[in-house]
Protein backbone atom coordinates (compact mmCIF):
# COMPACT_ATOMS: atom_id res chain seq x y z
CA UNK A 1 -116.65 140.74 -36.51
CA UNK A 2 -118.08 142.27 -33.54
CA UNK A 3 -119.18 145.25 -35.58
CA UNK A 4 -120.15 143.26 -38.91
CA UNK A 5 -122.45 140.93 -37.27
CA UNK A 6 -123.48 143.35 -34.53
CA UNK A 7 -122.95 140.80 -31.55
CA UNK A 8 -123.24 143.24 -28.91
CA UNK A 9 -126.66 144.69 -30.20
CA UNK A 10 -127.88 141.35 -30.58
CA UNK A 11 -126.49 140.39 -26.96
CA UNK A 12 -124.47 137.45 -27.98
CA UNK A 13 -120.65 136.29 -28.22
CA UNK A 14 -118.41 134.83 -30.40
CA UNK A 15 -118.47 131.57 -28.52
CA UNK A 16 -121.89 131.21 -28.44
CA UNK A 17 -122.53 131.97 -32.19
CA UNK A 18 -119.92 129.01 -32.87
CA UNK A 19 -121.39 126.62 -30.47
CA UNK A 20 -124.58 127.19 -32.07
CA UNK A 21 -123.47 127.09 -35.70
CA UNK A 22 -122.16 123.58 -34.95
CA UNK A 23 -125.39 122.42 -33.47
CA UNK A 24 -127.32 123.83 -36.54
CA UNK A 25 -124.87 121.83 -38.85
CA UNK A 26 -125.38 118.56 -36.79
CA UNK A 27 -129.25 118.77 -36.68
CA UNK A 28 -129.29 119.49 -40.65
CA UNK A 29 -126.20 117.10 -41.78
CA UNK A 30 -128.74 114.06 -42.42
CA UNK A 31 -130.58 116.12 -45.25
CA UNK A 32 -127.09 115.52 -47.71
CA UNK A 33 -127.78 111.63 -47.33
CA UNK A 34 -131.84 111.97 -47.93
CA UNK A 35 -131.23 114.23 -51.07
CA UNK A 36 -129.64 111.73 -53.52
CA UNK A 37 -131.93 108.97 -52.09
CA UNK A 38 -134.75 110.76 -53.14
CA UNK A 39 -133.74 112.69 -56.36
CA UNK A 40 -131.53 109.68 -57.41
CA UNK A 41 -134.79 107.97 -58.16
CA UNK A 42 -135.50 110.83 -60.77
CA UNK A 43 -132.41 109.55 -62.44
CA UNK A 44 -129.85 112.27 -61.60
CA UNK A 45 -126.47 110.86 -60.56
CA UNK A 46 -126.52 110.39 -56.65
CA UNK A 47 -123.18 111.59 -55.93
CA UNK A 48 -123.80 114.69 -58.30
CA UNK A 49 -126.85 115.24 -56.26
CA UNK A 50 -125.02 115.20 -52.80
CA UNK A 51 -122.65 117.78 -54.01
CA UNK A 52 -125.14 119.81 -55.41
CA UNK A 53 -127.14 120.03 -52.25
CA UNK A 54 -123.84 120.83 -50.24
CA UNK A 55 -122.80 123.66 -52.71
CA UNK A 56 -126.40 125.23 -52.45
CA UNK A 57 -126.56 124.88 -48.65
CA UNK A 58 -123.18 126.86 -48.38
CA UNK A 59 -124.22 129.33 -50.87
CA UNK A 60 -127.54 129.98 -49.19
CA UNK A 61 -126.53 129.75 -45.74
CA UNK A 62 -123.74 132.14 -46.26
CA UNK A 63 -125.51 134.67 -48.07
CA UNK A 64 -128.17 134.41 -45.26
CA UNK A 65 -125.49 135.17 -42.76
CA UNK A 66 -123.55 137.90 -44.59
CA UNK A 67 -126.68 139.61 -46.30
CA UNK A 68 -129.57 139.29 -43.73
CA UNK A 69 -127.36 138.53 -40.66
CA UNK A 70 -129.88 135.99 -38.93
CA UNK A 71 -129.17 132.30 -38.14
CA UNK A 72 -131.30 130.87 -40.51
CA UNK A 73 -129.82 127.80 -42.35
CA UNK A 74 -130.83 126.84 -46.15
CA UNK A 75 -130.70 123.54 -47.64
CA UNK A 76 -132.94 121.45 -50.34
CA UNK A 77 -136.45 120.73 -48.47
CA UNK A 78 -137.81 117.62 -47.95
CA UNK A 79 -141.20 118.34 -49.30
CA UNK A 80 -139.49 119.91 -52.59
CA UNK A 81 -137.39 116.73 -52.80
CA UNK A 82 -140.33 114.46 -52.67
CA UNK A 83 -142.67 116.89 -55.26
CA UNK A 84 -139.47 117.09 -57.74
CA UNK A 85 -139.35 113.01 -58.11
CA UNK A 86 -142.78 111.78 -57.27
CA UNK A 87 -145.04 114.63 -58.90
CA UNK A 88 -142.87 116.26 -61.70
CA UNK A 89 -140.76 113.31 -63.07
CA UNK A 90 -142.83 110.46 -61.98
CA UNK A 91 -146.23 111.80 -62.08
CA UNK A 92 -146.06 114.65 -65.05
CA UNK A 93 -143.44 112.85 -66.85
CA UNK A 94 -140.97 115.38 -67.02
CA UNK A 95 -136.99 114.43 -67.43
CA UNK A 96 -134.77 115.33 -64.29
CA UNK A 97 -133.25 118.05 -66.67
CA UNK A 98 -136.57 119.60 -67.32
CA UNK A 99 -137.58 119.50 -63.63
CA UNK A 100 -134.30 121.19 -62.73
CA UNK A 101 -135.40 124.05 -65.48
CA UNK A 102 -138.68 124.34 -63.72
CA UNK A 103 -136.84 124.86 -59.99
CA UNK A 104 -134.67 127.52 -61.69
CA UNK A 105 -137.82 129.26 -62.96
CA UNK A 106 -139.38 128.78 -59.83
CA UNK A 107 -136.65 130.59 -58.17
CA UNK A 108 -136.63 133.34 -60.74
CA UNK A 109 -140.42 133.97 -60.33
CA UNK A 110 -139.84 134.21 -56.75
CA UNK A 111 -137.24 136.79 -57.20
CA UNK A 112 -139.39 138.98 -59.06
CA UNK A 113 -142.37 138.60 -56.75
CA UNK A 114 -140.11 139.39 -53.74
CA UNK A 115 -138.35 142.19 -55.38
CA UNK A 116 -141.47 143.72 -56.71
CA UNK A 117 -143.39 143.20 -53.12
CA UNK A 118 -146.04 141.09 -55.10
CA UNK A 119 -145.19 138.70 -52.24
CA UNK A 120 -147.74 140.95 -49.89
CA UNK A 121 -150.67 140.66 -52.43
CA UNK A 122 -150.24 136.70 -52.59
CA UNK A 123 -149.76 136.37 -48.71
CA UNK A 124 -152.94 138.49 -48.07
CA UNK A 125 -154.86 136.95 -50.89
CA UNK A 126 -154.64 133.21 -49.38
CA UNK A 127 -157.01 132.69 -46.29
CA UNK A 128 -154.63 131.51 -43.31
CA UNK A 129 -156.55 128.10 -43.20
CA UNK A 130 -155.32 127.37 -46.72
CA UNK A 131 -151.83 128.14 -45.60
CA UNK A 132 -151.93 125.68 -43.11
CA UNK A 133 -153.73 123.05 -44.86
CA UNK A 134 -151.06 123.48 -47.32
CA UNK A 135 -147.93 123.40 -44.88
CA UNK A 136 -149.87 120.11 -43.26
CA UNK A 137 -150.69 118.45 -46.41
CA UNK A 138 -146.94 118.37 -47.46
CA UNK A 139 -146.53 116.75 -44.18
CA UNK A 140 -149.02 114.19 -44.99
CA UNK A 141 -147.38 113.70 -48.25
CA UNK A 142 -143.96 113.27 -47.07
CA UNK A 143 -145.10 110.98 -44.16
CA UNK A 144 -146.94 108.90 -46.84
CA UNK A 145 -143.81 108.75 -48.81
CA UNK A 146 -141.62 107.60 -45.72
CA UNK A 147 -144.09 104.78 -44.76
CA UNK A 148 -143.86 103.28 -48.49
CA UNK A 149 -140.17 103.53 -48.67
CA UNK A 150 -139.98 101.59 -45.09
CA UNK A 151 -142.11 99.18 -46.82
CA UNK A 152 -144.60 99.61 -43.73
CA UNK A 153 -147.81 99.50 -46.19
CA UNK A 154 -148.48 97.19 -49.17
CA UNK A 155 -151.25 97.25 -51.77
CA UNK A 156 -153.78 94.80 -52.91
CA UNK A 157 -154.75 94.83 -56.67
CA UNK A 158 -157.41 92.39 -57.83
CA UNK A 159 -157.33 91.70 -61.59
CA UNK A 160 -160.48 93.16 -62.08
CA UNK A 161 -159.11 96.62 -60.92
CA UNK A 162 -156.29 96.66 -63.47
CA UNK A 163 -156.72 99.25 -66.00
CA UNK A 164 -153.54 99.12 -68.13
CA UNK A 165 -150.32 97.31 -67.95
CA UNK A 166 -147.10 99.01 -69.44
CA UNK A 167 -149.28 101.60 -70.65
CA UNK A 168 -151.55 99.24 -72.67
CA UNK A 169 -155.08 98.38 -71.97
CA UNK A 170 -155.31 95.30 -69.82
CA UNK A 171 -157.46 92.57 -71.28
CA UNK A 172 -157.06 89.68 -68.68
CA UNK A 173 -153.63 88.16 -70.40
CA UNK A 174 -149.77 90.03 -70.48
CA UNK A 175 -146.86 89.05 -72.01
CA UNK A 176 -143.37 89.84 -70.95
CA UNK A 177 -141.87 91.57 -67.94
CA UNK A 178 -144.38 94.28 -66.27
CA UNK A 179 -142.77 97.73 -66.28
CA UNK A 180 -145.81 99.75 -65.09
CA UNK A 181 -149.26 98.84 -64.00
CA UNK A 182 -152.35 101.31 -63.56
CA UNK A 183 -155.21 99.94 -61.26
CA UNK A 184 -158.49 101.89 -60.27
CA UNK A 185 -159.78 102.70 -56.76
CA UNK A 186 -160.38 98.98 -55.90
CA UNK A 187 -156.62 98.77 -54.91
CA UNK A 188 -156.81 98.31 -51.05
CA UNK A 189 -153.82 99.23 -48.53
CA UNK A 190 -152.83 96.90 -46.09
CA UNK A 191 -150.14 96.85 -43.22
CA UNK A 192 -146.89 94.85 -43.87
CA UNK A 193 -146.23 91.81 -42.01
CA UNK A 194 -143.20 92.99 -40.61
CA UNK A 195 -141.07 89.62 -41.45
CA UNK A 196 -138.55 91.08 -44.07
CA UNK A 197 -135.17 92.35 -42.99
CA UNK A 198 -135.44 95.94 -44.62
CA UNK A 199 -139.09 96.55 -43.17
CA UNK A 200 -137.58 95.46 -39.67
CA UNK A 201 -134.59 97.60 -39.88
CA UNK A 202 -136.72 100.74 -40.79
CA UNK A 203 -139.12 99.86 -37.84
CA UNK A 204 -136.00 99.92 -35.50
CA UNK A 205 -134.84 103.25 -37.03
CA UNK A 206 -138.05 104.83 -36.36
CA UNK A 207 -138.45 103.79 -32.88
CA UNK A 208 -134.84 104.88 -32.49
CA UNK A 209 -135.54 108.28 -34.06
CA UNK A 210 -138.95 108.88 -31.67
CA UNK A 211 -136.91 108.05 -28.75
CA UNK A 212 -134.17 110.37 -29.25
CA UNK A 213 -136.24 113.26 -30.57
CA UNK A 214 -138.51 112.56 -27.35
CA UNK A 215 -135.41 112.68 -25.32
CA UNK A 216 -134.28 115.78 -27.23
CA UNK A 217 -131.10 114.48 -28.10
CA UNK A 218 -129.16 117.09 -30.30
CA UNK A 219 -128.41 115.51 -33.73
CA UNK A 220 -131.33 112.82 -33.50
CA UNK A 221 -131.74 112.46 -37.14
CA UNK A 222 -127.97 112.18 -37.94
CA UNK A 223 -127.63 109.87 -35.03
CA UNK A 224 -130.49 107.61 -36.37
CA UNK A 225 -129.26 107.71 -40.00
CA UNK A 226 -125.86 106.53 -39.10
CA UNK A 227 -126.95 103.81 -36.14
CA UNK A 228 -129.75 102.37 -38.70
CA UNK A 229 -127.02 101.93 -41.60
CA UNK A 230 -124.82 100.20 -38.93
CA UNK A 231 -127.43 98.07 -37.72
CA UNK A 232 -128.31 97.20 -41.38
CA UNK A 233 -124.83 95.50 -41.90
CA UNK A 234 -125.43 92.19 -40.12
CA UNK A 235 -129.40 92.34 -41.24
CA UNK A 236 -127.85 92.26 -44.76
CA UNK A 237 -129.67 95.13 -45.60
CA UNK A 238 -127.01 97.77 -45.86
CA UNK A 239 -124.48 97.33 -48.81
CA UNK A 240 -121.12 97.88 -47.21
CA UNK A 241 -119.43 97.57 -50.82
CA UNK A 242 -118.40 101.22 -52.15
CA UNK A 243 -118.54 100.68 -55.77
CA UNK A 244 -115.53 101.74 -58.02
CA UNK A 245 -115.74 105.08 -59.25
CA UNK A 246 -117.46 106.57 -55.93
CA UNK A 247 -114.30 108.81 -54.98
CA UNK A 248 -114.76 112.61 -54.33
CA UNK A 249 -113.10 113.05 -57.36
CA UNK A 250 -115.77 111.03 -59.48
CA UNK A 251 -118.37 112.74 -57.59
CA UNK A 252 -117.18 116.23 -58.82
CA UNK A 253 -117.05 114.55 -62.31
CA UNK A 254 -120.82 113.64 -62.11
CA UNK A 255 -121.46 117.28 -60.67
CA UNK A 256 -120.00 118.49 -64.03
CA UNK A 257 -122.44 116.49 -65.94
CA UNK A 258 -125.47 117.71 -63.99
CA UNK A 259 -124.56 121.51 -63.53
CA UNK A 260 -126.17 123.92 -65.69
CA UNK A 261 -128.37 121.25 -67.33
CA UNK A 262 -131.52 123.03 -66.44
CA UNK A 263 -130.59 125.38 -69.68
CA UNK A 264 -129.72 122.38 -72.12
CA UNK A 265 -131.65 121.20 -74.89
CA UNK A 266 -132.87 118.53 -72.63
CA UNK A 267 -133.94 120.98 -70.02
CA UNK A 268 -135.31 124.72 -70.78
CA UNK A 269 -134.95 123.63 -74.40
CA UNK A 270 -137.64 121.02 -74.31
CA UNK A 271 -139.94 122.40 -71.50
CA UNK A 272 -142.28 124.35 -73.48
CA UNK A 273 -142.35 122.35 -76.87
CA UNK A 274 -146.00 120.86 -76.62
CA UNK A 275 -149.06 122.66 -75.12
CA UNK A 276 -149.29 119.83 -72.41
CA UNK A 277 -146.13 120.10 -71.06
CA UNK A 278 -146.41 123.88 -70.93
CA UNK A 279 -149.34 123.93 -69.07
CA UNK A 280 -148.21 121.57 -66.65
CA UNK A 281 -145.03 123.43 -66.31
CA UNK A 282 -146.77 126.64 -65.71
CA UNK A 283 -149.22 125.21 -63.11
CA UNK A 284 -146.17 123.54 -61.14
CA UNK A 285 -144.09 126.60 -61.33
CA UNK A 286 -146.62 128.34 -59.66
CA UNK A 287 -147.44 126.08 -57.23
CA UNK A 288 -143.99 125.27 -56.23
CA UNK A 289 -143.38 128.80 -55.98
CA UNK A 290 -146.51 129.34 -53.80
CA UNK A 291 -145.37 126.56 -51.58
CA UNK A 292 -141.91 127.81 -51.17
CA UNK A 293 -143.05 131.27 -50.19
CA UNK A 294 -145.21 130.21 -47.54
CA UNK A 295 -142.71 127.81 -46.26
CA UNK A 296 -140.23 130.28 -45.89
CA UNK A 297 -142.45 133.20 -44.48
CA UNK A 298 -143.82 130.78 -42.03
CA UNK A 299 -140.51 129.25 -40.87
CA UNK A 300 -138.98 133.06 -40.51
CA UNK A 301 -142.13 134.45 -38.71
CA UNK A 302 -142.69 131.53 -36.41
CA UNK A 303 -138.85 131.11 -35.28
CA UNK A 304 -137.98 134.49 -35.62
CA UNK A 305 -140.87 136.29 -33.80
CA UNK A 306 -140.73 133.45 -30.92
CA UNK A 307 -137.06 133.96 -30.40
CA UNK A 308 -136.64 137.95 -30.74
CA UNK A 309 -134.51 137.60 -33.91
CA UNK A 310 -137.32 139.42 -35.54
CA UNK A 311 -138.61 142.61 -33.65
CA UNK A 312 -142.12 143.63 -34.14
CA UNK A 313 -140.52 146.32 -35.98
CA UNK A 314 -139.16 143.88 -38.57
CA UNK A 315 -142.45 142.40 -38.92
CA UNK A 316 -144.43 145.53 -39.47
CA UNK A 317 -141.63 146.73 -42.14
CA UNK A 318 -142.18 143.35 -44.06
CA UNK A 319 -145.86 143.87 -44.12
CA UNK A 320 -146.12 147.45 -44.83
CA UNK A 321 -142.90 149.06 -46.09
CA UNK A 322 -141.66 148.90 -49.91
CA UNK A 323 -137.77 148.80 -49.21
CA UNK A 324 -135.67 145.76 -47.84
CA UNK A 325 -134.55 147.58 -44.68
CA UNK A 326 -135.91 144.57 -42.29
CA UNK A 327 -134.08 141.81 -41.55
CA UNK A 328 -137.02 139.48 -42.86
CA UNK A 329 -137.20 141.16 -46.08
CA UNK A 330 -133.65 140.52 -46.71
CA UNK A 331 -133.81 136.97 -45.73
CA UNK A 332 -136.67 136.17 -48.11
CA UNK A 333 -134.63 137.71 -50.98
CA UNK A 334 -131.76 135.11 -50.04
CA UNK A 335 -134.40 132.54 -50.00
CA UNK A 336 -135.48 132.97 -53.48
CA UNK A 337 -132.03 133.47 -55.05
CA UNK A 338 -130.99 130.24 -53.41
CA UNK A 339 -133.85 128.18 -55.15
CA UNK A 340 -132.93 129.86 -58.45
CA UNK A 341 -129.10 128.65 -57.74
CA UNK A 342 -130.18 125.26 -56.66
CA UNK A 343 -131.80 124.71 -60.23
CA UNK A 344 -128.52 125.38 -61.77
CA UNK A 345 -126.37 123.52 -59.69
CA UNK A 346 -128.61 120.27 -60.03
CA UNK A 347 -130.83 119.97 -57.06
CA UNK A 348 -134.59 120.52 -55.65
CA UNK A 349 -135.86 123.76 -54.34
CA UNK A 350 -134.17 125.07 -51.14
CA UNK A 351 -136.02 126.18 -47.98
CA UNK A 352 -135.22 128.03 -44.83
CA UNK A 353 -134.92 124.83 -42.54
CA UNK A 354 -136.81 124.44 -39.48
CA UNK A 355 -133.76 122.72 -38.06
CA UNK A 356 -132.46 126.31 -37.44
CA UNK A 357 -134.27 126.36 -34.56
CA UNK A 358 -131.93 124.03 -32.80
CA UNK A 359 -128.99 126.38 -33.26
CA UNK A 360 -131.16 129.25 -32.29
CA UNK A 361 -132.10 127.68 -29.16
CA UNK A 362 -128.46 127.23 -28.59
CA UNK A 363 -128.12 130.94 -28.87
CA UNK A 364 -127.38 132.16 -32.11
CA UNK A 365 -128.77 135.05 -32.97
CA UNK A 366 -126.54 136.51 -35.76
CA UNK A 367 -124.96 135.37 -39.23
CA UNK A 368 -121.82 134.38 -37.88
CA UNK A 369 -123.79 131.29 -36.42
CA UNK A 370 -124.16 130.51 -40.13
CA UNK A 371 -120.52 130.96 -41.31
CA UNK A 372 -119.75 128.07 -38.68
CA UNK A 373 -122.93 126.00 -40.06
CA UNK A 374 -121.71 126.67 -43.65
CA UNK A 375 -118.03 125.38 -42.78
CA UNK A 376 -119.67 122.11 -41.56
CA UNK A 377 -121.70 121.69 -44.99
CA UNK A 378 -118.23 122.08 -46.71
CA UNK A 379 -116.80 119.08 -44.57
CA UNK A 380 -119.52 116.71 -45.93
CA UNK A 381 -117.83 116.50 -49.25
CA UNK A 382 -115.42 114.06 -47.97
CA UNK A 383 -118.62 111.52 -47.40
CA UNK A 384 -119.46 111.39 -51.17
CA UNK A 385 -118.30 108.13 -51.65
CA UNK A 386 -120.70 107.02 -48.74
CA UNK A 387 -123.61 107.92 -50.59
CA UNK A 388 -124.76 104.59 -52.17
CA UNK A 389 -124.15 102.60 -48.69
CA UNK A 390 -126.94 104.45 -46.91
CA UNK A 391 -129.98 102.01 -47.51
CA UNK A 392 -133.45 103.57 -47.90
CA UNK A 393 -134.74 101.71 -44.68
CA UNK A 394 -132.41 104.15 -43.03
CA UNK A 395 -133.79 107.29 -44.43
CA UNK A 396 -137.52 106.33 -44.49
CA UNK A 397 -137.81 106.93 -40.63
CA UNK A 398 -136.39 110.46 -41.05
CA UNK A 399 -139.23 111.19 -43.78
CA UNK A 400 -142.19 109.62 -41.38
CA UNK A 401 -141.13 111.83 -38.67
CA UNK A 402 -140.42 115.13 -40.42
CA UNK A 403 -143.89 114.62 -42.17
CA UNK A 404 -145.61 114.28 -38.52
CA UNK A 405 -143.76 117.53 -37.30
CA UNK A 406 -145.03 119.33 -40.32
CA UNK A 407 -148.47 118.18 -39.66
CA UNK A 408 -148.53 120.64 -36.71
CA UNK A 409 -149.86 123.15 -39.09
CA UNK A 410 -153.29 121.28 -38.74
CA UNK A 411 -154.03 122.93 -35.46
CA UNK A 412 -154.23 126.51 -36.89
CA UNK A 413 -157.48 125.09 -38.98
CA UNK A 414 -160.90 125.23 -37.05
CA UNK A 415 -162.05 121.90 -38.38
CA UNK A 416 -165.42 122.21 -36.66
CA UNK A 417 -166.33 124.82 -39.25
CA UNK A 418 -167.19 123.10 -42.61
CA UNK A 419 -166.71 126.66 -44.09
CA UNK A 420 -163.16 126.07 -43.44
CA UNK A 421 -162.79 122.10 -43.03
CA UNK A 422 -163.87 121.33 -46.51
CA UNK A 423 -161.30 123.14 -48.58
CA UNK A 424 -158.66 122.28 -45.99
CA UNK A 425 -159.42 118.73 -46.23
CA UNK A 426 -159.34 118.62 -49.91
CA UNK A 427 -155.96 120.50 -50.01
CA UNK A 428 -154.31 118.09 -47.34
CA UNK A 429 -155.72 114.81 -48.60
CA UNK A 430 -155.22 115.43 -52.43
CA UNK A 431 -151.79 116.20 -51.67
CA UNK A 432 -151.04 112.85 -50.07
CA UNK A 433 -153.14 110.57 -52.08
CA UNK A 434 -152.53 112.17 -55.56
CA UNK A 435 -149.06 112.32 -54.84
CA UNK A 436 -148.90 115.90 -55.98
CA UNK A 437 -148.54 119.14 -54.07
CA UNK A 438 -150.18 120.92 -56.81
CA UNK A 439 -153.39 119.01 -57.34
CA UNK A 440 -153.72 119.42 -53.44
CA UNK A 441 -153.45 123.49 -53.68
CA UNK A 442 -155.66 123.17 -56.70
CA UNK A 443 -158.66 121.14 -54.91
CA UNK A 444 -158.13 123.71 -51.71
CA UNK A 445 -158.55 126.66 -53.96
CA UNK A 446 -161.67 125.39 -56.16
CA UNK A 447 -163.55 124.00 -52.99
CA UNK A 448 -162.75 127.50 -51.05
CA UNK A 449 -164.36 129.22 -54.23
CA UNK A 450 -167.21 126.76 -54.63
CA UNK A 451 -167.91 127.13 -50.53
CA UNK A 452 -167.65 130.91 -50.60
CA UNK A 453 -170.15 130.98 -53.62
CA UNK A 454 -172.71 128.73 -51.83
CA UNK A 455 -172.71 130.79 -48.87
CA UNK A 456 -172.74 133.99 -51.18
CA UNK A 457 -169.56 135.28 -49.54
CA UNK A 458 -168.12 136.80 -52.75
CA UNK A 459 -166.19 139.67 -51.43
CA UNK A 460 -164.05 137.10 -49.31
CA UNK A 461 -162.50 135.34 -52.58
CA UNK A 462 -159.42 137.23 -53.60
CA UNK A 463 -158.50 138.07 -57.27
CA UNK A 464 -155.37 136.03 -56.37
CA UNK A 465 -156.99 133.30 -55.66
CA UNK A 466 -159.65 133.31 -58.58
CA UNK A 467 -156.52 133.98 -61.33
CA UNK A 468 -154.99 130.79 -59.89
CA UNK A 469 -157.98 128.69 -59.48
CA UNK A 470 -158.59 129.63 -63.26
CA UNK A 471 -155.03 128.39 -64.00
CA UNK A 472 -155.62 125.22 -62.46
CA UNK A 473 -158.95 124.47 -64.12
CA UNK A 474 -157.18 125.01 -67.39
CA UNK A 475 -154.67 122.67 -66.48
CA UNK A 476 -157.30 119.81 -65.97
CA UNK A 477 -158.95 120.58 -68.85
CA UNK A 478 -156.13 120.05 -71.10
CA UNK A 479 -155.09 116.93 -68.74
CA UNK A 480 -158.61 115.55 -69.70
CA UNK A 481 -158.35 116.31 -73.40
CA UNK A 482 -155.00 115.13 -73.96
């Protein structure tokens, strides 16, 4: 063990790695309850999603520890969970099976890019400010979803602003139940009156979470999730009735009906059957892959360099060499393979979790900590029957604060410079208010090109950016025509 994980070389001990691995597990455990809350809305059985996330997290975290020998844990990312449900399924109209097929293809494309070192061209071709805008924009997107799920925001819809009801043109009258309503920009958001139990519970949970995080309490997210769920019992928000068929055995049975659906007739078999879906799928695969790539590299470099896990030699080898000798190269390989497995298992894209910083701060320096973290993930299986008990009011505060933390990327943007601010603004704002990470990236790239052309700075527009923007434009044309 000492020799395999090179504990002496990394100036650490077995005890320190074990305690740090437990710290990372406690910091990340909340994600397994949040995952079915969001992906369950897309139609995937909640218990299946719960187990799928655990399997993928164990696979990725063990793989990272054994292959790359670094203490970075993996699990389905919150931003990608939101993208999966609210953009791909609700926005673009894909089935959850097709969405899983897209996740697999994202992983596959990222694997090819990573193994062929094409990532170097992509990383260098996208300006730093746009990368930061993408990260901060996802934060806005996640926070906005959290605010809506918490019930903190209501929307006023005047009859004159309604365009369609149940996908039919609105003429001033409607019959039967209303299943969907489309309104124009005349919709006005307003703050809720905080007079409903679920909204009050979400507010209590958010205040508690802020206090715990500011006090740097270990496992603040998990503590808040459990405490808010318990507080919700006397408030009548938490459903304490565990439904029949919610055992661990039934959870595995549900997983059997989801595992591999990405390759079925309702998944990959129907993904490219018409031009409309095909164009959306291609753009989505690229946008998700691009986002995941930046997210992984940003987390690895940001935490790894600050803590000394990655040396300057590792960073230089990642940027310049063609082999896979650096720990950063191997870590990125793990990240891409894990996303491909996520599509097969039945969950959204995975990412290298920023919460790994908690374990690293506690002393983790090698992959041994990941072995301990993965064991903790495995123990989460016994909580499968409780998935339906957690109310959305308990998970919404987590989304809000995670989004706020992600918005820290905005500090890398020179907002006083319009040349930078205009594309960065459209990137981030379009992500949140169009409910689509893809459209945010598209808007940012297109306006970046417009600004550079206006200034005559053609040489600053990379071929990668031009090609990607062209794909986005084609997609918008297809949407307009269809």
